[in-house]
Amino acid sequence: MNRRKFLKASGALVAGCALHPNLLSETQTPPGSSFKLDIAPLTVELAPGVEVHTVGYNGRVPGPLLRMREGVPVEIEVTNHSGHADLVHWHGLHIPSYMDGATEEGSPLIPPGGSFRYRFTPRPAGSRWYHTHVRAGRNLELGTYTGQFGFL
């Protein structure tokens, strides 16, 4: 690829992003912002005519990308619209156990129809993910078997 082709492709990408603002909106969240996550049932089309009924965040799988800055406090309001108690675990962050999103660490379950506000200062920096920490047991509609995960 020569310089001219590179500049043309880069310009097309920037123009496309400018014309379609939702393309970058999730990744341009200002530091210290509040986020909202809704846990709710949804249907995901894996291929034409192939649908899976599952649970996800904000009506999608994976959930929205949450951008945070190391050392800058954040708040995440999680509302549980599913039919079972749930919580969100912030994988790989060194945060207080009550905010960690794991019952074994002392985090509270969010009852069906309830909300919980996670407040913490993310550390260390890096690519992380969030996910449910409910134990599925024999119920394949809970825990790891759902679409409840997202990246941060």
N, C-alpha and C. Protein backbone atom coordinates (compact mmCIF):
# COMPACT_ATOMS: atom_id res chain seq x y z
N MET A 1 0.86 -1.18 0.00
CA MET A 1 0.00 0.00 0.00
C MET A 1 0.91 1.23 0.00
N ASN A 2 0.62 2.15 -0.91
CA ASN A 2 1.41 3.38 -0.94
C ASN A 2 0.74 4.44 -0.07
N ARG A 3 1.41 5.57 0.07
CA ARG A 3 0.93 6.65 0.94
C ARG A 3 -0.44 7.16 0.50
N ARG A 4 -0.63 7.31 -0.80
CA ARG A 4 -1.90 7.84 -1.33
C ARG A 4 -3.07 6.91 -0.98
N LYS A 5 -2.89 5.60 -1.16
CA LYS A 5 -3.95 4.64 -0.83
C LYS A 5 -4.23 4.64 0.68
N PHE A 6 -3.17 4.76 1.47
CA PHE A 6 -3.33 4.79 2.92
C PHE A 6 -4.15 6.02 3.35
N LEU A 7 -3.81 7.19 2.82
CA LEU A 7 -4.54 8.41 3.17
C LEU A 7 -5.99 8.34 2.70
N LYS A 8 -6.21 7.78 1.52
CA LYS A 8 -7.57 7.65 1.01
C LYS A 8 -8.40 6.72 1.91
N ALA A 9 -7.83 5.59 2.31
CA ALA A 9 -8.53 4.65 3.18
C ALA A 9 -8.78 5.26 4.56
N SER A 10 -7.79 5.97 5.09
CA SER A 10 -7.95 6.62 6.39
C SER A 10 -9.04 7.68 6.34
N GLY A 11 -9.06 8.46 5.27
CA GLY A 11 -10.08 9.49 5.11
C GLY A 11 -11.47 8.89 5.02
N ALA A 12 -11.60 7.78 4.32
CA ALA A 12 -12.90 7.11 4.21
C ALA A 12 -13.35 6.60 5.57
N LEU A 13 -12.42 6.08 6.37
CA LEU A 13 -12.77 5.60 7.70
C LEU A 13 -13.23 6.74 8.59
N VAL A 14 -12.52 7.84 8.60
CA VAL A 14 -12.89 9.00 9.41
C VAL A 14 -14.23 9.56 8.95
N ALA A 15 -14.43 9.68 7.65
CA ALA A 15 -15.71 10.18 7.12
C ALA A 15 -16.85 9.25 7.51
N GLY A 16 -16.62 7.96 7.41
CA GLY A 16 -17.65 6.99 7.79
C GLY A 16 -18.02 7.11 9.25
N CYS A 17 -17.03 7.31 10.11
CA CYS A 17 -17.29 7.48 11.54
C CYS A 17 -18.05 8.77 11.81
N ALA A 18 -17.72 9.81 11.07
CA ALA A 18 -18.39 11.09 11.26
C ALA A 18 -19.85 11.00 10.80
N LEU A 19 -20.10 10.27 9.73
CA LEU A 19 -21.45 10.11 9.22
C LEU A 19 -22.28 9.15 10.06
N HIS A 20 -21.62 8.28 10.79
CA HIS A 20 -22.32 7.28 11.61
C HIS A 20 -21.82 7.42 13.04
N PRO A 21 -22.30 8.44 13.80
CA PRO A 21 -21.76 8.75 15.11
C PRO A 21 -21.88 7.64 16.13
N ASN A 22 -22.85 6.73 15.98
CA ASN A 22 -22.99 5.64 16.94
C ASN A 22 -21.85 4.64 16.85
N LEU A 23 -21.12 4.66 15.76
CA LEU A 23 -20.02 3.73 15.58
C LEU A 23 -18.96 3.90 16.66
N LEU A 24 -18.67 5.14 17.04
CA LEU A 24 -17.64 5.39 18.06
C LEU A 24 -18.22 5.84 19.39
N SER A 25 -19.51 6.01 19.49
CA SER A 25 -20.08 6.61 20.69
C SER A 25 -19.77 5.81 21.94
N GLU A 26 -19.73 4.48 21.86
CA GLU A 26 -19.47 3.69 23.05
C GLU A 26 -18.03 3.85 23.53
N THR A 27 -17.12 4.10 22.63
CA THR A 27 -15.73 4.13 23.03
C THR A 27 -15.26 5.55 23.39
N GLN A 28 -16.12 6.54 23.26
CA GLN A 28 -15.72 7.91 23.53
C GLN A 28 -16.31 8.43 24.85
N THR A 29 -16.56 7.55 25.80
CA THR A 29 -17.13 7.95 27.07
C THR A 29 -16.12 8.75 27.87
N PRO A 30 -16.51 9.92 28.36
CA PRO A 30 -15.57 10.72 29.14
C PRO A 30 -15.20 10.02 30.45
N PRO A 31 -13.97 10.19 30.91
CA PRO A 31 -13.57 9.56 32.16
C PRO A 31 -14.40 10.05 33.34
N GLY A 32 -14.61 9.18 34.31
CA GLY A 32 -15.36 9.55 35.50
C GLY A 32 -16.86 9.54 35.28
N SER A 33 -17.29 9.03 34.14
CA SER A 33 -18.71 9.02 33.81
C SER A 33 -19.46 7.94 34.56
N SER A 34 -20.77 8.09 34.53
CA SER A 34 -21.65 7.06 35.04
C SER A 34 -22.11 6.20 33.87
N PHE A 35 -22.29 4.93 34.14
CA PHE A 35 -22.76 3.99 33.14
C PHE A 35 -24.05 3.37 33.65
N LYS A 36 -24.86 2.83 32.72
CA LYS A 36 -26.07 2.11 33.08
C LYS A 36 -26.05 0.78 32.35
N LEU A 37 -26.31 -0.28 33.10
CA LEU A 37 -26.44 -1.61 32.52
C LEU A 37 -27.78 -2.18 32.94
N ASP A 38 -28.50 -2.71 31.98
CA ASP A 38 -29.77 -3.39 32.24
C ASP A 38 -29.58 -4.86 31.93
N ILE A 39 -29.85 -5.70 32.92
CA ILE A 39 -29.82 -7.15 32.72
C ILE A 39 -31.23 -7.55 32.31
N ALA A 40 -31.36 -8.16 31.13
CA ALA A 40 -32.70 -8.52 30.66
C ALA A 40 -32.62 -9.64 29.61
N PRO A 41 -33.72 -10.39 29.50
CA PRO A 41 -33.80 -11.42 28.46
C PRO A 41 -33.78 -10.78 27.07
N LEU A 42 -33.25 -11.50 26.11
CA LEU A 42 -33.24 -11.04 24.73
C LEU A 42 -33.09 -12.23 23.80
N THR A 43 -33.30 -11.98 22.54
CA THR A 43 -33.12 -13.01 21.51
C THR A 43 -31.98 -12.56 20.61
N VAL A 44 -31.04 -13.47 20.36
CA VAL A 44 -29.89 -13.18 19.51
C VAL A 44 -29.99 -14.06 18.26
N GLU A 45 -29.90 -13.43 17.09
CA GLU A 45 -29.90 -14.18 15.84
C GLU A 45 -28.44 -14.52 15.49
N LEU A 46 -28.09 -15.80 15.61
CA LEU A 46 -26.72 -16.24 15.33
C LEU A 46 -26.44 -16.37 13.84
N ALA A 47 -27.48 -16.72 13.10
CA ALA A 47 -27.41 -16.86 11.65
C ALA A 47 -28.85 -16.71 11.15
N PRO A 48 -29.04 -16.51 9.87
CA PRO A 48 -30.42 -16.39 9.38
C PRO A 48 -31.27 -17.58 9.83
N GLY A 49 -32.33 -17.28 10.58
CA GLY A 49 -33.23 -18.32 11.05
C GLY A 49 -32.76 -19.08 12.28
N VAL A 50 -31.59 -18.74 12.81
CA VAL A 50 -31.07 -19.42 14.00
C VAL A 50 -31.05 -18.42 15.15
N GLU A 51 -32.01 -18.58 16.06
CA GLU A 51 -32.12 -17.64 17.18
C GLU A 51 -31.89 -18.36 18.50
N VAL A 52 -31.31 -17.62 19.45
CA VAL A 52 -31.06 -18.13 20.79
C VAL A 52 -31.70 -17.16 21.77
N HIS A 53 -32.46 -17.67 22.71
CA HIS A 53 -33.05 -16.85 23.77
C HIS A 53 -32.09 -16.90 24.95
N THR A 54 -31.64 -15.74 25.41
CA THR A 54 -30.64 -15.68 26.46
C THR A 54 -30.87 -14.43 27.30
N VAL A 55 -29.88 -14.07 28.08
CA VAL A 55 -29.91 -12.86 28.90
C VAL A 55 -28.66 -12.07 28.56
N GLY A 56 -28.79 -10.76 28.45
CA GLY A 56 -27.63 -9.93 28.11
C GLY A 56 -27.70 -8.59 28.80
N TYR A 57 -26.79 -7.72 28.44
CA TYR A 57 -26.71 -6.37 28.99
C TYR A 57 -27.13 -5.36 27.93
N ASN A 58 -28.06 -4.47 28.30
CA ASN A 58 -28.53 -3.39 27.42
C ASN A 58 -29.06 -3.90 26.08
N GLY A 59 -29.70 -5.06 26.11
CA GLY A 59 -30.33 -5.59 24.92
C GLY A 59 -29.40 -6.13 23.88
N ARG A 60 -28.19 -6.51 24.29
CA ARG A 60 -27.23 -7.00 23.30
C ARG A 60 -26.24 -7.98 23.90
N VAL A 61 -25.58 -8.72 23.03
CA VAL A 61 -24.51 -9.64 23.39
C VAL A 61 -23.40 -9.44 22.39
N PRO A 62 -22.18 -9.12 22.82
CA PRO A 62 -21.82 -8.77 24.20
C PRO A 62 -22.44 -7.45 24.60
N GLY A 63 -22.39 -7.17 25.90
CA GLY A 63 -22.87 -5.88 26.41
C GLY A 63 -22.01 -4.75 25.89
N PRO A 64 -22.38 -3.52 26.19
CA PRO A 64 -21.63 -2.37 25.67
C PRO A 64 -20.20 -2.31 26.20
N LEU A 65 -19.32 -1.78 25.39
CA LEU A 65 -17.94 -1.53 25.80
C LEU A 65 -17.95 -0.38 26.79
N LEU A 66 -17.36 -0.58 27.96
CA LEU A 66 -17.27 0.47 28.98
C LEU A 66 -15.81 0.90 29.07
N ARG A 67 -15.56 2.15 28.75
CA ARG A 67 -14.18 2.67 28.83
C ARG A 67 -14.01 3.44 30.13
N MET A 68 -12.97 3.08 30.85
CA MET A 68 -12.66 3.71 32.13
C MET A 68 -11.18 4.06 32.14
N ARG A 69 -10.84 5.05 32.94
CA ARG A 69 -9.43 5.41 33.09
C ARG A 69 -8.95 4.97 34.47
N GLU A 70 -7.77 4.42 34.50
CA GLU A 70 -7.18 4.00 35.76
C GLU A 70 -7.10 5.19 36.71
N GLY A 71 -7.60 4.98 37.95
CA GLY A 71 -7.52 6.00 38.97
C GLY A 71 -8.64 7.03 38.96
N VAL A 72 -9.56 6.95 37.99
CA VAL A 72 -10.67 7.89 37.90
C VAL A 72 -11.95 7.18 38.34
N PRO A 73 -12.59 7.63 39.43
CA PRO A 73 -13.78 6.94 39.94
C PRO A 73 -14.91 6.86 38.91
N VAL A 74 -15.64 5.73 38.95
CA VAL A 74 -16.79 5.51 38.07
C VAL A 74 -17.97 5.00 38.90
N GLU A 75 -19.15 5.15 38.33
CA GLU A 75 -20.38 4.60 38.90
C GLU A 75 -21.09 3.85 37.79
N ILE A 76 -21.56 2.64 38.12
CA ILE A 76 -22.32 1.85 37.17
C ILE A 76 -23.62 1.44 37.83
N GLU A 77 -24.73 1.96 37.33
CA GLU A 77 -26.06 1.61 37.84
C GLU A 77 -26.54 0.38 37.08
N VAL A 78 -26.74 -0.72 37.81
CA VAL A 78 -27.18 -1.97 37.19
C VAL A 78 -28.61 -2.25 37.64
N THR A 79 -29.51 -2.43 36.68
CA THR A 79 -30.90 -2.76 36.96
C THR A 79 -31.16 -4.16 36.43
N ASN A 80 -31.78 -4.98 37.28
CA ASN A 80 -32.01 -6.37 36.94
C ASN A 80 -33.44 -6.59 36.48
N HIS A 81 -33.62 -6.78 35.18
CA HIS A 81 -34.94 -7.04 34.60
C HIS A 81 -35.12 -8.53 34.31
N SER A 82 -34.21 -9.35 34.80
CA SER A 82 -34.35 -10.79 34.59
C SER A 82 -35.24 -11.37 35.69
N GLY A 83 -35.53 -12.64 35.60
CA GLY A 83 -36.39 -13.27 36.58
C GLY A 83 -35.65 -13.92 37.72
N HIS A 84 -34.36 -13.60 37.88
CA HIS A 84 -33.58 -14.22 38.95
C HIS A 84 -32.58 -13.20 39.51
N ALA A 85 -32.15 -13.44 40.75
CA ALA A 85 -31.15 -12.56 41.36
C ALA A 85 -29.85 -12.65 40.56
N ASP A 86 -29.16 -11.53 40.45
CA ASP A 86 -27.94 -11.49 39.63
C ASP A 86 -26.99 -10.45 40.18
N LEU A 87 -25.80 -10.37 39.63
CA LEU A 87 -24.83 -9.33 39.94
C LEU A 87 -23.80 -9.28 38.82
N VAL A 88 -22.96 -8.26 38.81
CA VAL A 88 -21.95 -8.08 37.76
C VAL A 88 -20.58 -8.09 38.41
N HIS A 89 -19.70 -8.94 37.88
CA HIS A 89 -18.31 -9.04 38.36
C HIS A 89 -17.40 -8.28 37.40
N TRP A 90 -16.53 -7.46 37.97
CA TRP A 90 -15.60 -6.64 37.20
C TRP A 90 -14.27 -7.37 37.19
N HIS A 91 -14.04 -8.18 36.19
CA HIS A 91 -12.92 -9.12 36.14
C HIS A 91 -11.56 -8.43 36.00
N GLY A 92 -10.67 -8.77 36.90
CA GLY A 92 -9.29 -8.30 36.81
C GLY A 92 -9.01 -6.96 37.46
N LEU A 93 -10.01 -6.35 38.10
CA LEU A 93 -9.78 -5.06 38.76
C LEU A 93 -9.53 -5.27 40.25
N HIS A 94 -8.68 -4.46 40.82
CA HIS A 94 -8.42 -4.49 42.25
C HIS A 94 -9.31 -3.44 42.91
N ILE A 95 -10.51 -3.87 43.29
CA ILE A 95 -11.50 -2.96 43.86
C ILE A 95 -12.04 -3.55 45.15
N PRO A 96 -12.71 -2.77 45.99
CA PRO A 96 -13.24 -3.29 47.25
C PRO A 96 -14.16 -4.50 47.02
N SER A 97 -14.09 -5.47 47.92
CA SER A 97 -14.83 -6.72 47.74
C SER A 97 -16.33 -6.51 47.61
N TYR A 98 -16.88 -5.54 48.33
CA TYR A 98 -18.31 -5.28 48.27
C TYR A 98 -18.74 -4.84 46.86
N MET A 99 -17.82 -4.24 46.11
CA MET A 99 -18.11 -3.76 44.75
C MET A 99 -17.62 -4.72 43.68
N ASP A 100 -16.98 -5.80 44.07
CA ASP A 100 -16.36 -6.73 43.13
C ASP A 100 -17.35 -7.50 42.27
N GLY A 101 -18.57 -7.68 42.77
CA GLY A 101 -19.57 -8.41 42.00
C GLY A 101 -19.46 -9.91 42.12
N ALA A 102 -18.95 -10.38 43.25
CA ALA A 102 -18.87 -11.82 43.51
C ALA A 102 -19.40 -12.07 44.92
N THR A 103 -20.40 -12.93 45.03
CA THR A 103 -21.00 -13.18 46.34
C THR A 103 -19.98 -13.74 47.32
N GLU A 104 -19.03 -14.52 46.82
CA GLU A 104 -18.01 -15.07 47.71
C GLU A 104 -17.08 -13.99 48.26
N GLU A 105 -17.12 -12.79 47.67
CA GLU A 105 -16.33 -11.66 48.15
C GLU A 105 -17.19 -10.69 48.96
N GLY A 106 -18.49 -11.00 49.12
CA GLY A 106 -19.37 -10.16 49.93
C GLY A 106 -20.25 -9.20 49.15
N SER A 107 -20.24 -9.29 47.83
CA SER A 107 -21.10 -8.43 47.01
C SER A 107 -22.54 -8.91 47.10
N PRO A 108 -23.49 -7.98 47.19
CA PRO A 108 -24.90 -8.37 47.28
C PRO A 108 -25.47 -8.75 45.92
N LEU A 109 -26.40 -9.71 45.94
CA LEU A 109 -27.14 -10.04 44.73
C LEU A 109 -28.17 -8.94 44.47
N ILE A 110 -28.44 -8.68 43.21
CA ILE A 110 -29.46 -7.71 42.82
C ILE A 110 -30.74 -8.51 42.57
N PRO A 111 -31.80 -8.28 43.34
CA PRO A 111 -33.02 -9.06 43.17
C PRO A 111 -33.71 -8.72 41.85
N PRO A 112 -34.57 -9.62 41.34
CA PRO A 112 -35.34 -9.30 40.13
C PRO A 112 -36.11 -8.00 40.33
N GLY A 113 -35.98 -7.08 39.38
CA GLY A 113 -36.64 -5.79 39.47
C GLY A 113 -35.87 -4.76 40.27
N GLY A 114 -34.77 -5.16 40.89
CA GLY A 114 -33.98 -4.25 41.72
C GLY A 114 -32.82 -3.63 40.98
N SER A 115 -32.15 -2.70 41.66
CA SER A 115 -30.98 -2.01 41.11
C SER A 115 -29.87 -1.97 42.14
N PHE A 116 -28.66 -1.80 41.67
CA PHE A 116 -27.50 -1.63 42.55
C PHE A 116 -26.53 -0.70 41.84
N ARG A 117 -25.93 0.20 42.59
CA ARG A 117 -24.96 1.13 42.02
C ARG A 117 -23.55 0.72 42.46
N TYR A 118 -22.76 0.26 41.49
CA TYR A 118 -21.36 -0.06 41.75
C TYR A 118 -20.56 1.23 41.68
N ARG A 119 -19.71 1.45 42.68
CA ARG A 119 -18.83 2.63 42.70
C ARG A 119 -17.43 2.15 43.02
N PHE A 120 -16.50 2.47 42.13
CA PHE A 120 -15.12 2.07 42.39
C PHE A 120 -14.17 2.89 41.53
N THR A 121 -12.91 2.78 41.85
CA THR A 121 -11.85 3.42 41.08
C THR A 121 -11.07 2.31 40.40
N PRO A 122 -11.17 2.20 39.06
CA PRO A 122 -10.56 1.08 38.36
C PRO A 122 -9.02 1.09 38.42
N ARG A 123 -8.48 -0.07 38.80
CA ARG A 123 -7.04 -0.32 38.83
C ARG A 123 -6.82 -1.82 38.72
N PRO A 124 -5.81 -2.28 38.07
CA PRO A 124 -4.85 -1.60 37.21
C PRO A 124 -5.41 -1.41 35.80
N ALA A 125 -4.72 -0.58 35.03
CA ALA A 125 -5.12 -0.35 33.64
C ALA A 125 -4.94 -1.63 32.84
N GLY A 126 -5.67 -1.75 31.76
CA GLY A 126 -5.54 -2.91 30.88
C GLY A 126 -6.89 -3.28 30.29
N SER A 127 -6.87 -4.26 29.44
CA SER A 127 -8.11 -4.77 28.85
C SER A 127 -8.74 -5.73 29.84
N ARG A 128 -9.99 -5.50 30.15
CA ARG A 128 -10.70 -6.31 31.13
C ARG A 128 -12.07 -6.69 30.57
N TRP A 129 -12.86 -7.40 31.37
CA TRP A 129 -14.22 -7.72 30.98
C TRP A 129 -15.10 -7.77 32.21
N TYR A 130 -16.39 -7.67 31.98
CA TYR A 130 -17.36 -7.81 33.06
C TYR A 130 -18.31 -8.93 32.67
N HIS A 131 -18.87 -9.58 33.70
CA HIS A 131 -19.75 -10.72 33.43
C HIS A 131 -20.54 -11.05 34.68
N THR A 132 -21.58 -11.87 34.51
CA THR A 132 -22.35 -12.32 35.65
C THR A 132 -21.48 -13.25 36.50
N HIS A 133 -21.77 -13.30 37.77
CA HIS A 133 -21.05 -14.20 38.66
C HIS A 133 -22.02 -15.11 39.40
N VAL A 134 -23.20 -15.30 38.79
CA VAL A 134 -24.19 -16.20 39.35
C VAL A 134 -23.80 -17.62 38.99
N ARG A 135 -23.92 -18.51 39.95
CA ARG A 135 -23.60 -19.91 39.69
C ARG A 135 -24.80 -20.59 39.05
N ALA A 136 -24.58 -21.19 37.90
CA ALA A 136 -25.67 -21.77 37.14
C ALA A 136 -26.18 -23.08 37.73
N GLY A 137 -25.29 -23.86 38.30
CA GLY A 137 -25.71 -25.18 38.76
C GLY A 137 -26.25 -25.99 37.60
N ARG A 138 -27.46 -26.49 37.73
CA ARG A 138 -28.07 -27.29 36.66
C ARG A 138 -28.93 -26.45 35.72
N ASN A 139 -29.06 -25.16 35.99
CA ASN A 139 -29.90 -24.30 35.17
C ASN A 139 -29.06 -23.66 34.06
N LEU A 140 -29.21 -24.15 32.85
CA LEU A 140 -28.40 -23.67 31.73
C LEU A 140 -28.87 -22.32 31.20
N GLU A 141 -29.78 -21.66 31.91
CA GLU A 141 -30.21 -20.32 31.52
C GLU A 141 -29.59 -19.27 32.44
N LEU A 142 -28.66 -19.67 33.30
CA LEU A 142 -28.02 -18.74 34.23
C LEU A 142 -26.51 -18.73 34.03
N GLY A 143 -25.88 -17.78 34.66
CA GLY A 143 -24.42 -17.74 34.76
C GLY A 143 -23.69 -17.74 33.44
N THR A 144 -22.69 -18.56 33.36
CA THR A 144 -21.80 -18.61 32.22
C THR A 144 -22.50 -19.00 30.92
N TYR A 145 -23.67 -19.58 31.02
CA TYR A 145 -24.37 -20.05 29.84
C TYR A 145 -25.18 -18.96 29.15
N THR A 146 -25.16 -17.74 29.66
CA THR A 146 -25.92 -16.64 29.07
C THR A 146 -25.00 -15.76 28.24
N GLY A 147 -25.56 -14.68 27.73
CA GLY A 147 -24.76 -13.71 26.98
C GLY A 147 -24.34 -12.54 27.87
N GLN A 148 -24.29 -12.76 29.17
CA GLN A 148 -23.98 -11.67 30.10
C GLN A 148 -22.48 -11.46 30.25
N PHE A 149 -21.92 -10.73 29.29
CA PHE A 149 -20.53 -10.34 29.37
C PHE A 149 -20.32 -9.11 28.50
N GLY A 150 -19.29 -8.38 28.78
CA GLY A 150 -18.93 -7.20 28.00
C GLY A 150 -17.49 -6.85 28.28
N PHE A 151 -16.94 -5.92 27.56
CA PHE A 151 -15.53 -5.58 27.69
C PHE A 151 -15.34 -4.20 28.29
N LEU A 152 -14.27 -4.05 29.06
CA LEU A 152 -13.92 -2.75 29.62
C LEU A 152 -12.42 -2.58 29.62
